[in-house]
Amino acid sequence: MKIVPLLAMAAVLAGCATVPSPEAPRLDRSLSARGQSDRIKYVILHYTVSDTPRSIKTLTTTDVSAHYLLTDTEQPFFYALVDESRQSNHAGLSSWKIYNQLNSASIGIEIVNPGFKETAQGRVYAPFSQAQIDQLILLLKDIVKRHNIAPGNILGHNDIAPQRKQDPGPLFPWKQLADAGLITWPEPSRVLARVPGYVQQLPEVAWFQRKLAEVGYAVPQNGELDQATRNVVSVFQTKYRPSQYDGTPDAETAAMLDVLTSPLPVVPPASSEGR
């Protein structure tokens, strides 16, 4: 005779368990706004200036962090240190086009590499292994596909902080990323065709400053070849012409800037009507 009341009580308790907490917000996720975009707009590449164990320690036990760390082991692999949905502290004071403080809009990838050392013959940079670059390209292709990253938005730390950073340095093979379809590159034949004209008449410094800003760099717009402008020119040369990156505006640098900021028009496919 007591079984029925017990069952009734169990049913009541079960019903109570399904009632939302009065402290929980009532959310309806059936609608989605058109005006939205992916938080991640950029990928920033760095070198660690350290070996793998010390890089791990720095990126996991200090305020400096990155989403991914690419090792320098015989078979390189990535440590995923920060989820892509979260911000990592890798970019610092930075700027590119309309964005400042790029930590909030980027994925940071640290590549284990000793960076450079000062010698009697000058600064000497360390190369990256081909195995590292192969792994990097695989990850970049995955990130680009998932977040629809524009080709002009895969950058070096020095691109976004040219007054204070050198990484990933002149030995980083940006051309391989271009050949993989990941970044834009000044088409060599177009550059070669423009060089003679710039040899005859090199543009004023203000022209270089305008063009560098059009690419995306934070650069003075004062018409003077000051140290800040030289630093930006050097970073640009490091990326696109690493054989000479002294920061001197010259004809080849002008030709590369001209080509990068003057994309070829897209020709629509020929119509098949009337055939």
C-alpha atoms as a PDB file:
ATOM      1  CA  MET A   1       0.000   0.000   0.000  1.00  0.00           C
ATOM      2  CA  LYS A   2       2.952   2.338   0.477  1.00  0.00           C
ATOM      3  CA  ILE A   3       4.407   1.727  -2.982  1.00  0.00           C
ATOM      4  CA  VAL A   4       2.107   4.171  -4.795  1.00  0.00           C
ATOM      5  CA  PRO A   5       3.013   7.209  -2.669  1.00  0.00           C
ATOM      6  CA  LEU A   6       6.682   6.421  -3.062  1.00  0.00           C
ATOM      7  CA  LEU A   7       6.374   6.250  -6.836  1.00  0.00           C
ATOM      8  CA  ALA A   8       4.444   9.494  -6.855  1.00  0.00           C
ATOM      9  CA  MET A   9       7.133  11.177  -4.799  1.00  0.00           C
ATOM     10  CA  ALA A  10       9.853   9.901  -7.182  1.00  0.00           C
ATOM     11  CA  ALA A  11       7.948  11.334 -10.135  1.00  0.00           C
ATOM     12  CA  VAL A  12       7.673  14.707  -8.414  1.00  0.00           C
ATOM     13  CA  LEU A  13      11.389  14.744  -7.640  1.00  0.00           C
ATOM     14  CA  ALA A  14      12.235  13.802 -11.232  1.00  0.00           C
ATOM     15  CA  GLY A  15      10.049  16.640 -12.490  1.00  0.00           C
ATOM     16  CA  CYS A  16      11.764  19.086 -10.177  1.00  0.00           C
ATOM     17  CA  ALA A  17      15.152  18.020 -11.528  1.00  0.00           C
ATOM     18  CA  THR A  18      14.175  19.225 -15.008  1.00  0.00           C
ATOM     19  CA  VAL A  19      13.181  22.715 -13.916  1.00  0.00           C
ATOM     20  CA  PRO A  20      15.912  25.278 -14.878  1.00  0.00           C
ATOM     21  CA  SER A  21      17.648  27.060 -12.071  1.00  0.00           C
ATOM     22  CA  PRO A  22      16.153  30.522 -11.498  1.00  0.00           C
ATOM     23  CA  GLU A  23      19.724  31.868 -11.707  1.00  0.00           C
ATOM     24  CA  ALA A  24      20.310  30.523 -15.232  1.00  0.00           C
ATOM     25  CA  PRO A  25      19.569  32.908 -18.144  1.00  0.00           C
ATOM     26  CA  ARG A  26      16.867  31.879 -20.607  1.00  0.00           C
ATOM     27  CA  LEU A  27      18.613  31.576 -23.998  1.00  0.00           C
ATOM     28  CA  ASP A  28      17.114  30.902 -27.410  1.00  0.00           C
ATOM     29  CA  ARG A  29      19.828  30.007 -29.950  1.00  0.00           C
ATOM     30  CA  SER A  30      17.472  29.416 -32.881  1.00  0.00           C
ATOM     31  CA  LEU A  31      18.416  32.707 -34.599  1.00  0.00           C
ATOM     32  CA  SER A  32      21.751  33.854 -36.041  1.00  0.00           C
ATOM     33  CA  ALA A  33      22.810  37.393 -36.977  1.00  0.00           C
ATOM     34  CA  ARG A  34      24.064  38.090 -40.482  1.00  0.00           C
ATOM     35  CA  GLY A  35      26.501  40.764 -39.295  1.00  0.00           C
ATOM     36  CA  GLN A  36      29.239  38.638 -37.777  1.00  0.00           C
ATOM     37  CA  SER A  37      32.662  37.289 -38.693  1.00  0.00           C
ATOM     38  CA  ASP A  38      35.385  35.038 -37.388  1.00  0.00           C
ATOM     39  CA  ARG A  39      37.392  36.555 -34.537  1.00  0.00           C
ATOM     40  CA  ILE A  40      40.607  35.283 -36.110  1.00  0.00           C
ATOM     41  CA  LYS A  41      41.824  37.507 -38.941  1.00  0.00           C
ATOM     42  CA  TYR A  42      45.597  36.986 -38.806  1.00  0.00           C
ATOM     43  CA  VAL A  43      48.281  34.372 -38.242  1.00  0.00           C
ATOM     44  CA  ILE A  44      51.528  35.681 -36.771  1.00  0.00           C
ATOM     45  CA  LEU A  45      54.781  33.714 -37.089  1.00  0.00           C
ATOM     46  CA  HIS A  46      57.593  33.949 -34.545  1.00  0.00           C
ATOM     47  CA  TYR A  47      60.882  32.300 -33.671  1.00  0.00           C
ATOM     48  CA  THR A  48      61.574  31.419 -30.046  1.00  0.00           C
ATOM     49  CA  VAL A  49      65.287  32.312 -29.727  1.00  0.00           C
ATOM     50  CA  SER A  50      65.646  29.129 -27.684  1.00  0.00           C
ATOM     51  CA  ASP A  51      65.621  25.337 -27.870  1.00  0.00           C
ATOM     52  CA  THR A  52      62.515  23.207 -27.445  1.00  0.00           C
ATOM     53  CA  PRO A  53      62.673  22.564 -23.649  1.00  0.00           C
ATOM     54  CA  ARG A  54      63.296  26.217 -22.790  1.00  0.00           C
ATOM     55  CA  SER A  55      60.664  27.343 -25.317  1.00  0.00           C
ATOM     56  CA  ILE A  56      58.114  25.067 -23.647  1.00  0.00           C
ATOM     57  CA  LYS A  57      58.990  26.468 -20.229  1.00  0.00           C
ATOM     58  CA  THR A  58      58.702  30.073 -21.417  1.00  0.00           C
ATOM     59  CA  LEU A  59      55.415  29.553 -23.237  1.00  0.00           C
ATOM     60  CA  THR A  60      53.727  27.562 -20.481  1.00  0.00           C
ATOM     61  CA  THR A  61      54.952  29.121 -17.222  1.00  0.00           C
ATOM     62  CA  THR A  62      55.165  32.860 -18.011  1.00  0.00           C
ATOM     63  CA  ASP A  63      52.752  35.499 -19.300  1.00  0.00           C
ATOM     64  CA  VAL A  64      54.097  34.985 -22.845  1.00  0.00           C
ATOM     65  CA  SER A  65      52.168  32.377 -24.809  1.00  0.00           C
ATOM     66  CA  ALA A  66      51.248  31.148 -28.269  1.00  0.00           C
ATOM     67  CA  HIS A  67      48.555  28.976 -29.722  1.00  0.00           C
ATOM     68  CA  TYR A  68      51.087  26.599 -31.262  1.00  0.00           C
ATOM     69  CA  LEU A  69      54.748  25.735 -30.706  1.00  0.00           C
ATOM     70  CA  LEU A  70      56.600  23.959 -33.530  1.00  0.00           C
ATOM     71  CA  THR A  71      59.504  21.879 -32.215  1.00  0.00           C
ATOM     72  CA  ASP A  72      62.982  21.530 -33.726  1.00  0.00           C
ATOM     73  CA  THR A  73      63.058  17.775 -33.228  1.00  0.00           C
ATOM     74  CA  GLU A  74      64.084  15.387 -36.008  1.00  0.00           C
ATOM     75  CA  GLN A  75      60.417  14.928 -36.813  1.00  0.00           C
ATOM     76  CA  PRO A  76      58.946  18.314 -35.830  1.00  0.00           C
ATOM     77  CA  PHE A  77      55.471  18.498 -34.343  1.00  0.00           C
ATOM     78  CA  PHE A  78      53.228  21.109 -32.760  1.00  0.00           C
ATOM     79  CA  TYR A  79      52.323  21.593 -29.149  1.00  0.00           C
ATOM     80  CA  ALA A  80      48.826  23.097 -29.039  1.00  0.00           C
ATOM     81  CA  LEU A  81      49.251  25.392 -26.020  1.00  0.00           C
ATOM     82  CA  VAL A  82      46.246  27.726 -26.259  1.00  0.00           C
ATOM     83  CA  ASP A  83      42.891  26.863 -27.759  1.00  0.00           C
ATOM     84  CA  GLU A  84      42.169  28.900 -30.881  1.00  0.00           C
ATOM     85  CA  SER A  85      38.978  30.192 -29.279  1.00  0.00           C
ATOM     86  CA  ARG A  86      41.090  31.952 -26.643  1.00  0.00           C
ATOM     87  CA  GLN A  87      43.585  34.817 -26.865  1.00  0.00           C
ATOM     88  CA  SER A  88      47.295  34.140 -26.422  1.00  0.00           C
ATOM     89  CA  ASN A  89      49.916  36.743 -25.546  1.00  0.00           C
ATOM     90  CA  HIS A  90      52.281  36.620 -28.499  1.00  0.00           C
ATOM     91  CA  ALA A  91      52.011  39.824 -30.524  1.00  0.00           C
ATOM     92  CA  GLY A  92      52.438  42.589 -27.949  1.00  0.00           C
ATOM     93  CA  LEU A  93      52.356  46.181 -29.153  1.00  0.00           C
ATOM     94  CA  SER A  94      51.435  45.657 -32.794  1.00  0.00           C
ATOM     95  CA  SER A  95      49.660  47.100 -35.808  1.00  0.00           C
ATOM     96  CA  TRP A  96      48.598  46.023 -39.292  1.00  0.00           C
ATOM     97  CA  LYS A  97      46.260  47.980 -41.536  1.00  0.00           C
ATOM     98  CA  ILE A  98      43.259  49.001 -39.401  1.00  0.00           C
ATOM     99  CA  TYR A  99      44.046  46.648 -36.511  1.00  0.00           C
ATOM    100  CA  ASN A 100      46.081  47.398 -33.396  1.00  0.00           C
ATOM    101  CA  GLN A 101      46.990  45.026 -30.567  1.00  0.00           C
ATOM    102  CA  LEU A 102      46.696  41.935 -32.760  1.00  0.00           C
ATOM    103  CA  ASN A 103      46.597  39.426 -29.898  1.00  0.00           C
ATOM    104  CA  SER A 104      42.810  39.639 -29.924  1.00  0.00           C
ATOM    105  CA  ALA A 105      42.460  38.935 -33.660  1.00  0.00           C
ATOM    106  CA  SER A 106      45.209  36.441 -34.394  1.00  0.00           C
ATOM    107  CA  ILE A 107      46.664  32.976 -33.975  1.00  0.00           C
ATOM    108  CA  GLY A 108      50.280  32.947 -32.816  1.00  0.00           C
ATOM    109  CA  ILE A 109      52.707  30.265 -33.977  1.00  0.00           C
ATOM    110  CA  GLU A 110      56.122  30.017 -32.351  1.00  0.00           C
ATOM    111  CA  ILE A 111      58.835  28.100 -34.238  1.00  0.00           C
ATOM    112  CA  VAL A 112      61.756  26.763 -32.223  1.00  0.00           C
ATOM    113  CA  ASN A 113      64.808  28.510 -33.656  1.00  0.00           C
ATOM    114  CA  PRO A 114      67.813  30.164 -31.959  1.00  0.00           C
ATOM    115  CA  GLY A 115      67.266  33.410 -33.858  1.00  0.00           C
ATOM    116  CA  PHE A 116      70.552  35.225 -34.395  1.00  0.00           C
ATOM    117  CA  LYS A 117      73.915  35.867 -32.803  1.00  0.00           C
ATOM    118  CA  GLU A 118      76.229  38.823 -33.166  1.00  0.00           C
ATOM    119  CA  THR A 119      79.646  38.001 -34.657  1.00  0.00           C
ATOM    120  CA  ALA A 120      82.694  39.907 -35.839  1.00  0.00           C
ATOM    121  CA  GLN A 121      81.241  39.619 -39.349  1.00  0.00           C
ATOM    122  CA  GLY A 122      77.874  40.954 -38.237  1.00  0.00           C
ATOM    123  CA  ARG A 123      74.560  39.412 -37.268  1.00  0.00           C
ATOM    124  CA  VAL A 124      74.165  35.770 -38.275  1.00  0.00           C
ATOM    125  CA  TYR A 125      70.705  34.175 -38.368  1.00  0.00           C
ATOM    126  CA  ALA A 126      69.942  30.491 -37.862  1.00  0.00           C
ATOM    127  CA  PRO A 127      68.139  28.566 -40.630  1.00  0.00           C
ATOM    128  CA  PHE A 128      64.854  26.699 -40.259  1.00  0.00           C
ATOM    129  CA  SER A 129      64.771  23.009 -41.108  1.00  0.00           C
ATOM    130  CA  GLN A 130      62.771  21.969 -44.146  1.00  0.00           C
ATOM    131  CA  ALA A 131      60.907  19.517 -41.933  1.00  0.00           C
ATOM    132  CA  GLN A 132      59.710  22.439 -39.803  1.00  0.00           C
ATOM    133  CA  ILE A 133      58.523  24.378 -42.837  1.00  0.00           C
ATOM    134  CA  ASP A 134      56.694  21.332 -44.203  1.00  0.00           C
ATOM    135  CA  GLN A 135      54.791  20.959 -40.924  1.00  0.00           C
ATOM    136  CA  LEU A 136      54.117  24.692 -40.749  1.00  0.00           C
ATOM    137  CA  ILE A 137      52.587  24.748 -44.224  1.00  0.00           C
ATOM    138  CA  LEU A 138      50.264  21.884 -43.292  1.00  0.00           C
ATOM    139  CA  LEU A 139      49.032  23.727 -40.198  1.00  0.00           C
ATOM    140  CA  LEU A 140      48.681  27.039 -42.039  1.00  0.00           C
ATOM    141  CA  LYS A 141      46.579  25.432 -44.765  1.00  0.00           C
ATOM    142  CA  ASP A 142      44.300  23.987 -42.096  1.00  0.00           C
ATOM    143  CA  ILE A 143      43.964  27.321 -40.285  1.00  0.00           C
ATOM    144  CA  VAL A 144      43.351  29.239 -43.507  1.00  0.00           C
ATOM    145  CA  LYS A 145      40.598  26.822 -44.507  1.00  0.00           C
ATOM    146  CA  ARG A 146      38.847  26.896 -41.126  1.00  0.00           C
ATOM    147  CA  HIS A 147      39.064  30.657 -40.547  1.00  0.00           C
ATOM    148  CA  ASN A 148      39.147  31.960 -44.136  1.00  0.00           C
ATOM    149  CA  ILE A 149      42.409  33.861 -43.547  1.00  0.00           C
ATOM    150  CA  ALA A 150      43.256  36.276 -46.371  1.00  0.00           C
ATOM    151  CA  PRO A 151      46.651  35.781 -48.098  1.00  0.00           C
ATOM    152  CA  GLY A 152      47.827  39.184 -46.911  1.00  0.00           C
ATOM    153  CA  ASN A 153      47.147  38.283 -43.286  1.00  0.00           C
ATOM    154  CA  ILE A 154      49.785  35.617 -42.646  1.00  0.00           C
ATOM    155  CA  LEU A 155      52.540  37.765 -41.180  1.00  0.00           C
ATOM    156  CA  GLY A 156      55.794  37.793 -39.290  1.00  0.00           C
ATOM    157  CA  HIS A 157      56.175  39.364 -35.873  1.00  0.00           C
ATOM    158  CA  ASN A 158      58.448  41.928 -37.504  1.00  0.00           C
ATOM    159  CA  ASP A 159      55.692  42.879 -39.979  1.00  0.00           C
ATOM    160  CA  ILE A 160      53.381  43.958 -37.168  1.00  0.00           C
ATOM    161  CA  ALA A 161      56.107  45.383 -34.889  1.00  0.00           C
ATOM    162  CA  PRO A 162      58.876  46.612 -37.242  1.00  0.00           C
ATOM    163  CA  GLN A 163      60.419  48.995 -34.723  1.00  0.00           C
ATOM    164  CA  ARG A 164      61.209  46.326 -32.148  1.00  0.00           C
ATOM    165  CA  LYS A 165      61.107  42.817 -33.641  1.00  0.00           C
ATOM    166  CA  GLN A 166      63.170  40.827 -36.162  1.00  0.00           C
ATOM    167  CA  ASP A 167      61.448  37.429 -36.144  1.00  0.00           C
ATOM    168  CA  PRO A 168      61.085  35.248 -38.055  1.00  0.00           C
ATOM    169  CA  GLY A 169      64.137  36.837 -39.722  1.00  0.00           C
ATOM    170  CA  PRO A 170      65.669  36.883 -43.220  1.00  0.00           C
ATOM    171  CA  LEU A 171      66.187  33.103 -43.404  1.00  0.00           C
ATOM    172  CA  PHE A 172      62.525  32.314 -43.016  1.00  0.00           C
ATOM    173  CA  PRO A 173      61.410  30.981 -46.443  1.00  0.00           C
ATOM    174  CA  TRP A 174      58.373  33.135 -47.166  1.00  0.00           C
ATOM    175  CA  LYS A 175      58.563  32.184 -50.848  1.00  0.00           C
ATOM    176  CA  GLN A 176      57.680  28.603 -49.932  1.00  0.00           C
ATOM    177  CA  LEU A 177      54.497  29.878 -48.304  1.00  0.00           C
ATOM    178  CA  ALA A 178      53.750  31.855 -51.457  1.00  0.00           C
ATOM    179  CA  ASP A 179      54.346  28.767 -53.631  1.00  0.00           C
ATOM    180  CA  ALA A 180      51.890  26.900 -51.379  1.00  0.00           C
ATOM    181  CA  GLY A 181      49.249  29.550 -52.106  1.00  0.00           C
ATOM    182  CA  LEU A 182      49.264  30.921 -48.562  1.00  0.00           C
ATOM    183  CA  ILE A 183      50.575  34.471 -49.045  1.00  0.00           C
ATOM    184  CA  THR A 184      50.720  37.060 -51.788  1.00  0.00           C
ATOM    185  CA  TRP A 185      53.986  37.563 -53.649  1.00  0.00           C
ATOM    186  CA  PRO A 186      55.208  40.204 -56.117  1.00  0.00           C
ATOM    187  CA  GLU A 187      55.194  38.425 -59.477  1.00  0.00           C
ATOM    188  CA  PRO A 188      58.882  38.361 -60.607  1.00  0.00           C
ATOM    189  CA  SER A 189      58.310  39.231 -64.282  1.00  0.00           C
ATOM    190  CA  ARG A 190      56.236  42.278 -63.355  1.00  0.00           C
ATOM    191  CA  VAL A 191      58.882  43.378 -60.845  1.00  0.00           C
ATOM    192  CA  LEU A 192      61.645  42.948 -63.423  1.00  0.00           C
ATOM    193  CA  ALA A 193      59.706  45.007 -65.953  1.00  0.00           C
ATOM    194  CA  ARG A 194      59.372  47.928 -63.522  1.00  0.00           C
ATOM    195  CA  VAL A 195      62.929  48.026 -62.196  1.00  0.00           C
ATOM    196  CA  PRO A 196      64.501  49.990 -65.133  1.00  0.00           C
ATOM    197  CA  GLY A 197      62.020  52.813 -64.738  1.00  0.00           C
ATOM    198  CA  TYR A 198      62.747  53.112 -61.034  1.00  0.00           C
ATOM    199  CA  VAL A 199      66.488  52.971 -61.712  1.00  0.00           C
ATOM    200  CA  GLN A 200      66.077  56.068 -63.887  1.00  0.00           C
ATOM    201  CA  GLN A 201      63.791  57.846 -61.419  1.00  0.00           C
ATOM    202  CA  LEU A 202      63.576  56.629 -57.853  1.00  0.00           C
ATOM    203  CA  PRO A 203      60.404  57.792 -56.073  1.00  0.00           C
ATOM    204  CA  GLU A 204      60.553  60.194 -53.162  1.00  0.00           C
ATOM    205  CA  VAL A 205      60.595  58.804 -49.630  1.00  0.00           C
ATOM    206  CA  ALA A 206      56.962  59.852 -49.208  1.00  0.00           C
ATOM    207  CA  TRP A 207      56.012  57.474 -52.047  1.00  0.00           C
ATOM    208  CA  PHE A 208      57.694  54.561 -50.262  1.00  0.00           C
ATOM    209  CA  GLN A 209      55.930  55.466 -47.035  1.00  0.00           C
ATOM    210  CA  ARG A 210      52.534  55.578 -48.741  1.00  0.00           C
ATOM    211  CA  LYS A 211      53.089  52.248 -50.480  1.00  0.00           C
ATOM    212  CA  LEU A 212      54.315  50.518 -47.329  1.00  0.00           C
ATOM    213  CA  ALA A 213      51.233  51.770 -45.479  1.00  0.00           C
ATOM    214  CA  GLU A 214      49.058  50.496 -48.328  1.00  0.00           C
ATOM    215  CA  VAL A 215      50.583  47.038 -47.900  1.00  0.00           C
ATOM    216  CA  GLY A 216      49.719  47.226 -44.200  1.00  0.00           C
ATOM    217  CA  TYR A 217      52.782  48.463 -42.318  1.00  0.00           C
ATOM    218  CA  ALA A 218      52.688  51.093 -39.595  1.00  0.00           C
ATOM    219  CA  VAL A 219      55.179  53.585 -41.037  1.00  0.00           C
ATOM    220  CA  PRO A 220      55.748  57.338 -40.633  1.00  0.00           C
ATOM    221  CA  GLN A 221      54.168  59.569 -43.294  1.00  0.00           C
ATOM    222  CA  ASN A 222      56.571  62.490 -42.994  1.00  0.00           C
ATOM    223  CA  GLY A 223      58.519  62.230 -46.246  1.00  0.00           C
ATOM    224  CA  GLU A 224      61.778  61.730 -44.325  1.00  0.00           C
ATOM    225  CA  LEU A 225      64.113  58.742 -44.453  1.00  0.00           C
ATOM    226  CA  ASP A 226      64.290  58.519 -40.675  1.00  0.00           C
ATOM    227  CA  GLN A 227      65.277  55.430 -38.704  1.00  0.00           C
ATOM    228  CA  ALA A 228      61.685  54.352 -38.199  1.00  0.00           C
ATOM    229  CA  THR A 229      61.108  54.379 -41.966  1.00  0.00           C
ATOM    230  CA  ARG A 230      64.362  52.505 -42.578  1.00  0.00           C
ATOM    231  CA  ASN A 231      63.258  49.864 -40.091  1.00  0.00           C
ATOM    232  CA  VAL A 232      60.025  49.269 -41.988  1.00  0.00           C
ATOM    233  CA  VAL A 233      61.796  49.186 -45.363  1.00  0.00           C
ATOM    234  CA  SER A 234      64.254  46.661 -43.915  1.00  0.00           C
ATOM    235  CA  VAL A 235      61.449  44.415 -42.655  1.00  0.00           C
ATOM    236  CA  PHE A 236      59.791  44.535 -46.075  1.00  0.00           C
ATOM    237  CA  GLN A 237      63.082  43.655 -47.764  1.00  0.00           C
ATOM    238  CA  THR A 238      63.722  40.872 -45.248  1.00  0.00           C
ATOM    239  CA  LYS A 239      60.505  39.235 -46.380  1.00  0.00           C
ATOM    240  CA  TYR A 240      60.550  39.786 -50.122  1.00  0.00           C
ATOM    241  CA  ARG A 241      64.260  40.288 -50.882  1.00  0.00           C
ATOM    242  CA  PRO A 242      66.361  38.757 -48.095  1.00  0.00           C
ATOM    243  CA  SER A 243      69.572  39.013 -50.118  1.00  0.00           C
ATOM    244  CA  GLN A 244      69.775  42.712 -49.145  1.00  0.00           C
ATOM    245  CA  TYR A 245      67.795  44.264 -46.321  1.00  0.00           C
ATOM    246  CA  ASP A 246      69.708  47.354 -45.246  1.00  0.00           C
ATOM    247  CA  GLY A 247      66.589  49.526 -45.192  1.00  0.00           C
ATOM    248  CA  THR A 248      67.657  51.637 -48.180  1.00  0.00           C
ATOM    249  CA  PRO A 249      64.797  52.425 -50.581  1.00  0.00           C
ATOM    250  CA  ASP A 250      66.025  51.325 -53.995  1.00  0.00           C
ATOM    251  CA  ALA A 251      64.662  50.507 -57.452  1.00  0.00           C
ATOM    252  CA  GLU A 252      63.946  46.832 -56.790  1.00  0.00           C
ATOM    253  CA  THR A 253      62.168  47.604 -53.521  1.00  0.00           C
ATOM    254  CA  ALA A 254      60.093  50.230 -55.347  1.00  0.00           C
ATOM    255  CA  ALA A 255      59.215  47.743 -58.085  1.00  0.00           C
ATOM    256  CA  MET A 256      58.115  45.109 -55.559  1.00  0.00           C
ATOM    257  CA  LEU A 257      55.966  47.628 -53.691  1.00  0.00           C
ATOM    258  CA  ASP A 258      54.442  48.791 -56.957  1.00  0.00           C
ATOM    259  CA  VAL A 259      53.510  45.252 -57.992  1.00  0.00           C
ATOM    260  CA  LEU A 260      52.136  44.294 -54.568  1.00  0.00           C
ATOM    261  CA  THR A 261      49.885  47.342 -54.480  1.00  0.00           C
ATOM    262  CA  SER A 262      48.810  47.069 -58.132  1.00  0.00           C
ATOM    263  CA  PRO A 263      47.146  43.675 -58.504  1.00  0.00           C
ATOM    264  CA  LEU A 264      46.276  42.494 -61.975  1.00  0.00           C
ATOM    265  CA  PRO A 265      42.597  42.907 -62.892  1.00  0.00           C
ATOM    266  CA  VAL A 266      40.488  39.793 -62.750  1.00  0.00           C
ATOM    267  CA  VAL A 267      39.453  38.859 -66.285  1.00  0.00           C
ATOM    268  CA  PRO A 268      35.966  37.307 -66.393  1.00  0.00           C
ATOM    269  CA  PRO A 269      35.673  34.002 -68.264  1.00  0.00           C
ATOM    270  CA  ALA A 270      34.693  34.257 -71.905  1.00  0.00           C
ATOM    271  CA  SER A 271      30.974  33.904 -72.535  1.00  0.00           C
ATOM    272  CA  SER A 272      29.815  30.791 -74.371  1.00  0.00           C
ATOM    273  CA  GLU A 273      26.746  32.533 -75.827  1.00  0.00           C
ATOM    274  CA  GLY A 274      26.490  32.486 -79.569  1.00  0.00           C
ATOM    275  CA  ARG A 275      28.710  29.445 -79.949  1.00  0.00           C
END
